Amino acid sequence: MQLIDKKALRDARGAVAHASAIIIALAVAMTMPTGLEIALRSIVQGRDAFARTLRLADLEVRLLAEDVRNLPAWTTCPELTMWNRAY
């Protein structure tokens, strides 16, 4: 082979390697949001399953000590099955 052919082949291999690196980088960049979405969905589903298994409440209410006298009678609310009072 002539010297010019060797240089042309070397340049062609370099261009292929460069194009391959760009394609791989783009593929990783395009799949990264998908992986993040799957990870976040898994975390949310795990949290929801944990809360469902332990029958945890969806809402937590914290009241200041001065608001205690203004509280309604929680035991008369039919939606509440249990009433906890923490001091």
C-alpha atoms as a PDB file:
ATOM      1  CA  MET A   1       0.000   0.000   0.000  1.00  0.00           C
ATOM      2  CA  GLN A   2       1.088   3.455  -0.620  1.00  0.00           C
ATOM      3  CA  LEU A   3       1.630   5.937   2.146  1.00  0.00           C
ATOM      4  CA  ILE A   4      -1.425   7.967   1.130  1.00  0.00           C
ATOM      5  CA  ASP A   5      -3.658   4.871   1.362  1.00  0.00           C
ATOM      6  CA  LYS A   6      -2.405   4.154   4.878  1.00  0.00           C
ATOM      7  CA  LYS A   7      -3.119   7.714   5.968  1.00  0.00           C
ATOM      8  CA  ALA A   8      -6.581   7.587   4.389  1.00  0.00           C
ATOM      9  CA  LEU A   9      -7.390   4.338   6.216  1.00  0.00           C
ATOM     10  CA  ARG A  10      -6.107   5.784   9.499  1.00  0.00           C
ATOM     11  CA  ASP A  11      -8.244   8.886   9.042  1.00  0.00           C
ATOM     12  CA  ALA A  12     -11.270   6.766   8.128  1.00  0.00           C
ATOM     13  CA  ARG A  13     -10.834   4.651  11.276  1.00  0.00           C
ATOM     14  CA  GLY A  14     -10.504   7.830  13.330  1.00  0.00           C
ATOM     15  CA  ALA A  15     -13.690   9.237  11.812  1.00  0.00           C
ATOM     16  CA  VAL A  16     -15.562   6.001  12.536  1.00  0.00           C
ATOM     17  CA  ALA A  17     -14.319   6.012  16.127  1.00  0.00           C
ATOM     18  CA  HIS A  18     -15.306   9.660  16.519  1.00  0.00           C
ATOM     19  CA  ALA A  19     -18.780   9.052  15.058  1.00  0.00           C
ATOM     20  CA  SER A  20     -19.202   5.980  17.275  1.00  0.00           C
ATOM     21  CA  ALA A  21     -18.309   8.004  20.374  1.00  0.00           C
ATOM     22  CA  ILE A  22     -20.855  10.668  19.422  1.00  0.00           C
ATOM     23  CA  ILE A  23     -23.567   8.065  18.826  1.00  0.00           C
ATOM     24  CA  ILE A  24     -22.850   6.384  22.164  1.00  0.00           C
ATOM     25  CA  ALA A  25     -22.903   9.734  23.985  1.00  0.00           C
ATOM     26  CA  LEU A  26     -26.232  10.635  22.380  1.00  0.00           C
ATOM     27  CA  ALA A  27     -27.679   7.228  23.240  1.00  0.00           C
ATOM     28  CA  VAL A  28     -26.657   7.625  26.881  1.00  0.00           C
ATOM     29  CA  ALA A  29     -28.030  11.164  26.966  1.00  0.00           C
ATOM     30  CA  MET A  30     -31.366   9.998  25.550  1.00  0.00           C
ATOM     31  CA  THR A  31     -31.744   7.006  27.889  1.00  0.00           C
ATOM     32  CA  MET A  32     -30.752   8.868  31.063  1.00  0.00           C
ATOM     33  CA  PRO A  33     -34.137  10.623  31.542  1.00  0.00           C
ATOM     34  CA  THR A  34     -35.871   7.288  31.023  1.00  0.00           C
ATOM     35  CA  GLY A  35     -33.733   5.684  33.716  1.00  0.00           C
ATOM     36  CA  LEU A  36     -34.428   8.550  36.098  1.00  0.00           C
ATOM     37  CA  GLU A  37     -38.171   8.296  35.426  1.00  0.00           C
ATOM     38  CA  ILE A  38     -38.135   4.553  36.088  1.00  0.00           C
ATOM     39  CA  ALA A  39     -36.138   5.051  39.310  1.00  0.00           C
ATOM     40  CA  LEU A  40     -38.474   7.772  40.606  1.00  0.00           C
ATOM     41  CA  ARG A  41     -41.557   5.735  39.702  1.00  0.00           C
ATOM     42  CA  SER A  42     -40.089   2.759  41.576  1.00  0.00           C
ATOM     43  CA  ILE A  43     -39.458   4.900  44.662  1.00  0.00           C
ATOM     44  CA  VAL A  44     -42.989   6.305  44.598  1.00  0.00           C
ATOM     45  CA  GLN A  45     -44.537   2.870  44.100  1.00  0.00           C
ATOM     46  CA  GLY A  46     -42.454   1.458  46.949  1.00  0.00           C
ATOM     47  CA  ARG A  47     -43.512   4.294  49.239  1.00  0.00           C
ATOM     48  CA  ASP A  48     -47.163   3.830  48.288  1.00  0.00           C
ATOM     49  CA  ALA A  49     -46.985   0.069  48.857  1.00  0.00           C
ATOM     50  CA  PHE A  50     -45.351   0.641  52.245  1.00  0.00           C
ATOM     51  CA  ALA A  51     -48.052   3.128  53.250  1.00  0.00           C
ATOM     52  CA  ARG A  52     -50.805   0.840  51.977  1.00  0.00           C
ATOM     53  CA  THR A  53     -49.415  -2.198  53.831  1.00  0.00           C
ATOM     54  CA  LEU A  54     -49.098  -0.363  57.127  1.00  0.00           C
ATOM     55  CA  ARG A  55     -52.301   1.611  56.529  1.00  0.00           C
ATOM     56  CA  LEU A  56     -50.514   4.889  57.070  1.00  0.00           C
ATOM     57  CA  ALA A  57     -52.427   8.134  56.884  1.00  0.00           C
ATOM     58  CA  ASP A  58     -52.089  10.361  53.842  1.00  0.00           C
ATOM     59  CA  LEU A  59     -52.238  13.513  55.904  1.00  0.00           C
ATOM     60  CA  GLU A  60     -50.413  14.643  58.979  1.00  0.00           C
ATOM     61  CA  VAL A  61     -51.737  17.652  60.862  1.00  0.00           C
ATOM     62  CA  ARG A  62     -49.671  19.502  63.430  1.00  0.00           C
ATOM     63  CA  LEU A  63     -51.365  22.118  65.566  1.00  0.00           C
ATOM     64  CA  LEU A  64     -49.863  24.712  67.816  1.00  0.00           C
ATOM     65  CA  ALA A  65     -50.592  24.549  71.532  1.00  0.00           C
ATOM     66  CA  GLU A  66     -52.679  27.726  71.386  1.00  0.00           C
ATOM     67  CA  ASP A  67     -54.972  26.165  68.761  1.00  0.00           C
ATOM     68  CA  VAL A  68     -55.984  23.224  70.981  1.00  0.00           C
ATOM     69  CA  ARG A  69     -58.910  25.115  72.506  1.00  0.00           C
ATOM     70  CA  ASN A  70     -60.279  25.828  69.009  1.00  0.00           C
ATOM     71  CA  LEU A  71     -60.240  22.219  67.836  1.00  0.00           C
ATOM     72  CA  PRO A  72     -63.508  20.569  66.865  1.00  0.00           C
ATOM     73  CA  ALA A  73     -64.629  17.305  68.430  1.00  0.00           C
ATOM     74  CA  TRP A  74     -62.714  14.857  66.229  1.00  0.00           C
ATOM     75  CA  THR A  75     -64.525  11.853  67.671  1.00  0.00           C
ATOM     76  CA  THR A  76     -67.763  12.967  66.024  1.00  0.00           C
ATOM     77  CA  CYS A  77     -66.275  12.888  62.507  1.00  0.00           C
ATOM     78  CA  PRO A  78     -67.463   9.714  60.755  1.00  0.00           C
ATOM     79  CA  GLU A  79     -64.465   9.757  58.381  1.00  0.00           C
ATOM     80  CA  LEU A  80     -62.018   9.206  61.215  1.00  0.00           C
ATOM     81  CA  THR A  81     -61.812   5.731  62.661  1.00  0.00           C
ATOM     82  CA  MET A  82     -59.122   6.459  65.223  1.00  0.00           C
ATOM     83  CA  TRP A  83     -58.105   9.580  67.030  1.00  0.00           C
ATOM     84  CA  ASN A  84     -54.592   9.888  68.358  1.00  0.00           C
ATOM     85  CA  ARG A  85     -53.435  12.670  70.577  1.00  0.00           C
ATOM     86  CA  ALA A  86     -49.706  13.079  71.024  1.00  0.00           C
ATOM     87  CA  TYR A  87     -48.162  15.276  73.685  1.00  0.00           C
END
